[in-house]
Amino acid sequence: MSAANQQERLEIESWIVGFTDGEGCFSVSFIRNATNRSGWQIFPEFVITQGAKSLNALKIFQKYFGCGKIFINKRYDNHNEHLYRFCIRSLSDLNQKVVPFFKRNKLRTAKSKDFEVFRRIIKIMNDGKHYSYNGMVKVARLIEQMNRKKKSRFLESSETIRRGPK
């Protein structure tokens, strides 16, 4: 790789880190899913949200990572533009692209703590440990440490309480 290309790569990586620190989110949700044996699906995602005027920024993320999708959230309130979300939801893409990128390129805000929890959850899922009841509880406890630190719907559900340790 030439020095110019290496410098350009470093610049884009620094830009991605800064943009993510300001506008990104690492999240993991439990979603009810009747087709899963447990009745729940664990749903990790890396998301960047921007207004329509900044759609090109999301395209840069998509091109850099070589994966993910851009979705439109149409707005009909008092805002003048629709919102767009760049999302990476594939476990293999999160594990092989997003996690290594942010391990190499450290976040500088409180999102760094969210990323570390997110990384641990991705590892649990990658190892297949999230399929067991204990694994799901472990993931739910980790989720409670992220972002707004809300109580897990999974842990509070009647099925989980009924299935819990006796």
Protein backbone atom coordinates (compact mmCIF):
# COMPACT_ATOMS: atom_id res chain seq x y z
CA MET A 1 0.00 0.00 0.00
CA SER A 2 1.41 3.37 -0.95
CA ALA A 3 2.00 6.08 1.66
CA ALA A 4 -0.79 8.20 0.12
CA ASN A 5 -3.26 5.30 0.27
CA GLN A 6 -2.24 4.50 3.83
CA GLN A 7 -2.73 8.15 4.85
CA GLU A 8 -6.17 8.20 3.19
CA ARG A 9 -7.14 4.97 5.01
CA LEU A 10 -6.04 6.45 8.35
CA GLU A 11 -8.04 9.61 7.68
CA ILE A 12 -11.23 7.72 6.82
CA GLU A 13 -10.82 5.44 9.83
CA SER A 14 -10.38 8.46 12.14
CA TRP A 15 -13.44 10.07 10.56
CA ILE A 16 -15.50 6.87 11.08
CA VAL A 17 -14.46 6.73 14.76
CA GLY A 18 -15.34 10.39 15.34
CA PHE A 19 -18.64 10.09 13.50
CA THR A 20 -19.53 6.97 15.47
CA ASP A 21 -18.62 8.67 18.75
CA GLY A 22 -21.12 11.41 17.90
CA GLU A 23 -23.86 9.67 15.95
CA GLY A 24 -23.40 5.90 16.32
CA CYS A 25 -25.01 3.27 18.46
CA PHE A 26 -24.14 -0.29 19.41
CA SER A 27 -27.31 -1.99 20.52
CA VAL A 28 -28.60 -5.44 21.34
CA SER A 29 -32.28 -6.19 21.78
CA PHE A 30 -34.40 -9.17 22.71
CA ILE A 31 -37.29 -9.55 20.27
CA ARG A 32 -40.17 -11.95 20.70
CA ASN A 33 -39.97 -14.63 18.02
CA ALA A 34 -42.38 -17.55 18.12
CA THR A 35 -40.23 -19.56 15.69
CA ASN A 36 -37.34 -19.75 18.20
CA ARG A 37 -37.48 -22.50 20.80
CA SER A 38 -37.04 -19.94 23.58
CA GLY A 39 -39.61 -17.54 22.09
CA TRP A 40 -36.93 -14.82 21.88
CA GLN A 41 -34.34 -13.68 19.36
CA ILE A 42 -31.23 -11.71 20.28
CA PHE A 43 -30.78 -8.89 17.80
CA PRO A 44 -27.40 -7.07 17.75
CA GLU A 45 -26.80 -4.09 15.48
CA PHE A 46 -24.42 -1.25 14.75
CA VAL A 47 -26.33 1.86 13.63
CA ILE A 48 -25.58 5.36 12.39
CA THR A 49 -28.57 7.69 11.88
CA GLN A 50 -28.57 10.87 9.80
CA GLY A 51 -30.97 13.24 8.11
CA ALA A 52 -31.47 13.11 4.36
CA LYS A 53 -28.97 15.94 3.79
CA SER A 54 -26.19 13.73 5.24
CA LEU A 55 -27.10 10.51 3.42
CA ASN A 56 -23.69 10.51 1.72
CA ALA A 57 -22.00 10.02 5.10
CA LEU A 58 -23.92 6.76 5.53
CA LYS A 59 -22.83 5.65 2.07
CA ILE A 60 -19.21 6.15 3.14
CA PHE A 61 -19.78 3.79 6.09
CA GLN A 62 -21.42 1.23 3.82
CA LYS A 63 -18.60 1.40 1.28
CA TYR A 64 -15.88 1.21 3.93
CA PHE A 65 -17.34 -1.81 5.76
CA GLY A 66 -18.57 -3.45 2.55
CA CYS A 67 -21.82 -4.52 4.19
CA GLY A 68 -24.92 -3.23 5.92
CA LYS A 69 -28.06 -1.59 4.61
CA ILE A 70 -29.42 1.93 4.59
CA PHE A 71 -33.07 2.30 5.59
CA ILE A 72 -35.32 5.34 5.38
CA ASN A 73 -37.48 6.40 8.31
CA LYS A 74 -40.01 8.73 6.72
CA ARG A 75 -41.01 11.60 8.95
CA TYR A 76 -44.30 13.41 8.78
CA ASP A 77 -43.88 15.62 11.82
CA ASN A 78 -42.51 19.17 11.97
CA HIS A 79 -39.07 18.12 10.66
CA ASN A 80 -38.12 18.99 7.12
CA GLU A 81 -36.25 15.83 6.18
CA HIS A 82 -36.53 12.09 6.49
CA LEU A 83 -34.07 10.14 8.63
CA TYR A 84 -31.82 7.43 7.26
CA ARG A 85 -30.24 4.59 9.24
CA PHE A 86 -27.15 2.66 8.24
CA CYS A 87 -27.40 -0.73 9.99
CA ILE A 88 -25.11 -3.72 10.19
CA ARG A 89 -27.06 -6.63 11.66
CA SER A 90 -25.32 -9.73 10.31
CA LEU A 91 -23.55 -11.53 13.15
CA SER A 92 -20.68 -12.53 10.86
CA ASP A 93 -20.24 -8.93 9.62
CA LEU A 94 -20.38 -7.59 13.17
CA ASN A 95 -17.85 -10.20 14.28
CA GLN A 96 -15.50 -9.98 11.30
CA LYS A 97 -15.70 -6.29 10.37
CA VAL A 98 -17.21 -4.01 13.03
CA VAL A 99 -15.66 -5.52 16.18
CA PRO A 100 -12.11 -5.73 14.76
CA PHE A 101 -12.39 -2.17 13.39
CA PHE A 102 -13.34 -0.66 16.76
CA LYS A 103 -10.81 -2.83 18.61
CA ARG A 104 -8.09 -1.29 16.40
CA ASN A 105 -9.60 2.21 16.33
CA LYS A 106 -10.67 3.17 19.85
CA LEU A 107 -13.77 5.23 20.50
CA ARG A 108 -13.22 8.23 22.76
CA THR A 109 -16.61 8.83 24.33
CA ALA A 110 -18.87 6.81 26.64
CA LYS A 111 -19.70 4.74 23.56
CA SER A 112 -16.40 2.93 24.13
CA LYS A 113 -17.99 1.22 27.16
CA ASP A 114 -21.06 0.30 25.13
CA PHE A 115 -18.78 -1.14 22.45
CA GLU A 116 -16.93 -3.30 25.00
CA VAL A 117 -20.22 -4.75 26.26
CA PHE A 118 -21.41 -5.17 22.65
CA ARG A 119 -18.15 -7.00 21.82
CA ARG A 120 -18.68 -9.40 24.74
CA ILE A 121 -22.23 -10.15 23.58
CA ILE A 122 -21.06 -10.77 20.00
CA LYS A 123 -18.48 -13.25 21.37
CA ILE A 124 -21.17 -15.07 23.38
CA MET A 125 -23.34 -15.28 20.27
CA ASN A 126 -20.44 -16.32 18.07
CA ASP A 127 -19.71 -19.17 20.49
CA GLY A 128 -23.40 -20.21 20.38
CA LYS A 129 -23.80 -19.76 24.13
CA HIS A 130 -26.81 -17.46 23.70
CA TYR A 131 -29.04 -20.42 22.83
CA SER A 132 -29.14 -21.69 26.41
CA TYR A 133 -31.29 -20.14 29.11
CA ASN A 134 -28.18 -19.17 31.13
CA GLY A 135 -26.58 -17.66 28.03
CA MET A 136 -29.68 -15.57 27.32
CA VAL A 137 -29.73 -14.34 30.92
CA LYS A 138 -26.05 -13.42 30.67
CA VAL A 139 -26.70 -11.46 27.45
CA ALA A 140 -29.72 -9.72 29.03
CA ARG A 141 -27.64 -8.68 32.06
CA LEU A 142 -24.97 -7.28 29.74
CA ILE A 143 -27.57 -5.37 27.71
CA GLU A 144 -28.72 -3.67 30.92
CA GLN A 145 -25.23 -2.12 31.14
CA MET A 146 -25.50 -0.51 27.70
CA ASN A 147 -26.87 2.79 26.44
CA ARG A 148 -29.78 3.92 28.62
CA LYS A 149 -29.35 1.02 31.06
CA LYS A 150 -32.98 -0.08 30.88
CA LYS A 151 -34.29 -3.23 32.54
CA SER A 152 -34.42 -6.14 30.14
CA ARG A 153 -37.89 -7.09 28.84
CA PHE A 154 -36.57 -10.63 28.51
CA LEU A 155 -35.65 -10.85 32.21
CA GLU A 156 -38.98 -9.39 33.28
CA SER A 157 -41.15 -11.57 31.03
CA SER A 158 -43.42 -14.12 32.68
CA GLU A 159 -41.94 -16.95 30.56
CA THR A 160 -38.41 -16.16 31.72
CA ILE A 161 -39.47 -15.93 35.36
CA ARG A 162 -41.33 -19.26 34.99
CA ARG A 163 -38.31 -20.94 33.30
CA GLY A 164 -35.81 -19.47 35.74
CA PRO A 165 -33.65 -21.45 38.11
CA LYS A 166 -35.69 -23.44 40.56
